[in-house]
Amino acid sequence: MRKASRLDRPTAYGLALILGGALGNVFDRIVSGAVTDFLDFYVGTLHWPAFNVADSAIVIGSGLLLISLLRPKQQTAGA
């Protein structure tokens, strides 16, 4: 936690979303015994797999971490 201020924003937000999503799924599992998927989408006859907000946070957080890894880092002067 002491080195969190050294993280760039996409990395910090990505890690926070992943941790929050994981904690949300753990909470759901403890309280109801299962993770409840409640977002269910259809496009015509095509069905997208059901998911919940915690799953969405994990996926978005992973995407932010991937963007952070692929983006070139700026070197500070004298480093």
C-alpha atoms as a PDB file:
ATOM      1  CA  MET A   1       0.000   0.000   0.000  1.00  0.00           C
ATOM      2  CA  ARG A   2       2.902   2.390   0.639  1.00  0.00           C
ATOM      3  CA  LYS A   3       3.980   2.171  -3.003  1.00  0.00           C
ATOM      4  CA  ALA A   4       0.474   2.651  -4.397  1.00  0.00           C
ATOM      5  CA  SER A   5       1.204   6.327  -5.080  1.00  0.00           C
ATOM      6  CA  ARG A   6       3.864   5.223  -7.598  1.00  0.00           C
ATOM      7  CA  LEU A   7       1.296   3.443  -9.770  1.00  0.00           C
ATOM      8  CA  ASP A   8      -0.097   5.129 -12.844  1.00  0.00           C
ATOM      9  CA  ARG A   9      -3.862   5.673 -12.951  1.00  0.00           C
ATOM     10  CA  PRO A  10      -4.833   2.774 -15.249  1.00  0.00           C
ATOM     11  CA  THR A  11      -2.870   0.332 -13.086  1.00  0.00           C
ATOM     12  CA  ALA A  12      -4.303   1.668  -9.821  1.00  0.00           C
ATOM     13  CA  TYR A  13      -7.872   1.695 -11.159  1.00  0.00           C
ATOM     14  CA  GLY A  14      -7.429  -1.737 -12.732  1.00  0.00           C
ATOM     15  CA  LEU A  15      -6.179  -3.279  -9.499  1.00  0.00           C
ATOM     16  CA  ALA A  16      -8.973  -1.586  -7.539  1.00  0.00           C
ATOM     17  CA  LEU A  17     -11.634  -2.904  -9.939  1.00  0.00           C
ATOM     18  CA  ILE A  18     -10.225  -6.431  -9.853  1.00  0.00           C
ATOM     19  CA  LEU A  19     -10.053  -6.424  -6.041  1.00  0.00           C
ATOM     20  CA  GLY A  20     -13.544  -4.924  -5.739  1.00  0.00           C
ATOM     21  CA  GLY A  21     -15.024  -7.427  -8.181  1.00  0.00           C
ATOM     22  CA  ALA A  22     -13.362 -10.351  -6.435  1.00  0.00           C
ATOM     23  CA  LEU A  23     -14.587  -9.144  -3.031  1.00  0.00           C
ATOM     24  CA  GLY A  24     -18.082  -8.694  -4.463  1.00  0.00           C
ATOM     25  CA  ASN A  25     -18.120 -12.278  -5.726  1.00  0.00           C
ATOM     26  CA  VAL A  26     -16.751 -13.582  -2.399  1.00  0.00           C
ATOM     27  CA  PHE A  27     -19.401 -11.622  -0.499  1.00  0.00           C
ATOM     28  CA  ASP A  28     -22.131 -13.031  -2.751  1.00  0.00           C
ATOM     29  CA  ARG A  29     -20.759 -16.553  -2.278  1.00  0.00           C
ATOM     30  CA  ILE A  30     -20.711 -16.204   1.536  1.00  0.00           C
ATOM     31  CA  VAL A  31     -24.143 -14.572   1.860  1.00  0.00           C
ATOM     32  CA  SER A  32     -26.168 -16.584  -0.661  1.00  0.00           C
ATOM     33  CA  GLY A  33     -23.953 -19.628  -1.267  1.00  0.00           C
ATOM     34  CA  ALA A  34     -23.557 -18.793  -4.954  1.00  0.00           C
ATOM     35  CA  VAL A  35     -22.639 -15.890  -7.173  1.00  0.00           C
ATOM     36  CA  THR A  36     -25.827 -14.505  -8.663  1.00  0.00           C
ATOM     37  CA  ASP A  37     -25.651 -13.584 -12.331  1.00  0.00           C
ATOM     38  CA  PHE A  38     -28.316 -11.033 -13.100  1.00  0.00           C
ATOM     39  CA  LEU A  39     -27.423  -9.287 -16.348  1.00  0.00           C
ATOM     40  CA  ASP A  40     -28.716 -11.378 -19.207  1.00  0.00           C
ATOM     41  CA  PHE A  41     -28.718 -10.078 -22.785  1.00  0.00           C
ATOM     42  CA  TYR A  42     -30.269 -11.340 -26.001  1.00  0.00           C
ATOM     43  CA  VAL A  43     -29.768 -10.002 -29.526  1.00  0.00           C
ATOM     44  CA  GLY A  44     -32.433 -11.639 -31.607  1.00  0.00           C
ATOM     45  CA  THR A  45     -31.906 -15.343 -30.998  1.00  0.00           C
ATOM     46  CA  LEU A  46     -28.290 -14.906 -29.876  1.00  0.00           C
ATOM     47  CA  HIS A  47     -27.712 -15.161 -26.137  1.00  0.00           C
ATOM     48  CA  TRP A  48     -24.774 -13.530 -24.377  1.00  0.00           C
ATOM     49  CA  PRO A  49     -23.651 -15.417 -21.235  1.00  0.00           C
ATOM     50  CA  ALA A  50     -25.146 -14.009 -18.030  1.00  0.00           C
ATOM     51  CA  PHE A  51     -22.862 -11.994 -15.761  1.00  0.00           C
ATOM     52  CA  ASN A  52     -22.949  -9.632 -12.796  1.00  0.00           C
ATOM     53  CA  VAL A  53     -21.452  -6.249 -11.946  1.00  0.00           C
ATOM     54  CA  ALA A  54     -18.525  -7.845 -10.066  1.00  0.00           C
ATOM     55  CA  ASP A  55     -17.618  -9.862 -13.163  1.00  0.00           C
ATOM     56  CA  SER A  56     -17.789  -6.674 -15.244  1.00  0.00           C
ATOM     57  CA  ALA A  57     -15.462  -4.887 -12.814  1.00  0.00           C
ATOM     58  CA  ILE A  58     -12.935  -7.729 -13.044  1.00  0.00           C
ATOM     59  CA  VAL A  59     -12.988  -7.686 -16.849  1.00  0.00           C
ATOM     60  CA  ILE A  60     -12.667  -3.883 -17.060  1.00  0.00           C
ATOM     61  CA  GLY A  61      -9.871  -3.928 -14.467  1.00  0.00           C
ATOM     62  CA  SER A  62      -8.018  -6.595 -16.427  1.00  0.00           C
ATOM     63  CA  GLY A  63      -8.362  -4.495 -19.565  1.00  0.00           C
ATOM     64  CA  LEU A  64      -6.924  -1.462 -17.785  1.00  0.00           C
ATOM     65  CA  LEU A  65      -3.963  -3.519 -16.569  1.00  0.00           C
ATOM     66  CA  LEU A  66      -3.388  -4.783 -20.098  1.00  0.00           C
ATOM     67  CA  ILE A  67      -3.468  -1.232 -21.462  1.00  0.00           C
ATOM     68  CA  SER A  68      -1.029  -0.161 -18.759  1.00  0.00           C
ATOM     69  CA  LEU A  69       1.350  -3.003 -19.628  1.00  0.00           C
ATOM     70  CA  LEU A  70       1.271  -2.293 -23.374  1.00  0.00           C
ATOM     71  CA  ARG A  71       1.676   1.466 -23.092  1.00  0.00           C
ATOM     72  CA  PRO A  72       5.285   2.704 -23.213  1.00  0.00           C
ATOM     73  CA  LYS A  73       6.532   4.115 -19.910  1.00  0.00           C
ATOM     74  CA  GLN A  74       8.092   7.556 -19.671  1.00  0.00           C
ATOM     75  CA  GLN A  75      11.569   7.720 -18.159  1.00  0.00           C
ATOM     76  CA  THR A  76      12.187  10.399 -15.579  1.00  0.00           C
ATOM     77  CA  ALA A  77      15.220  12.639 -16.019  1.00  0.00           C
ATOM     78  CA  GLY A  78      18.321  11.197 -14.381  1.00  0.00           C
ATOM     79  CA  ALA A  79      16.899   7.680 -14.083  1.00  0.00           C
END
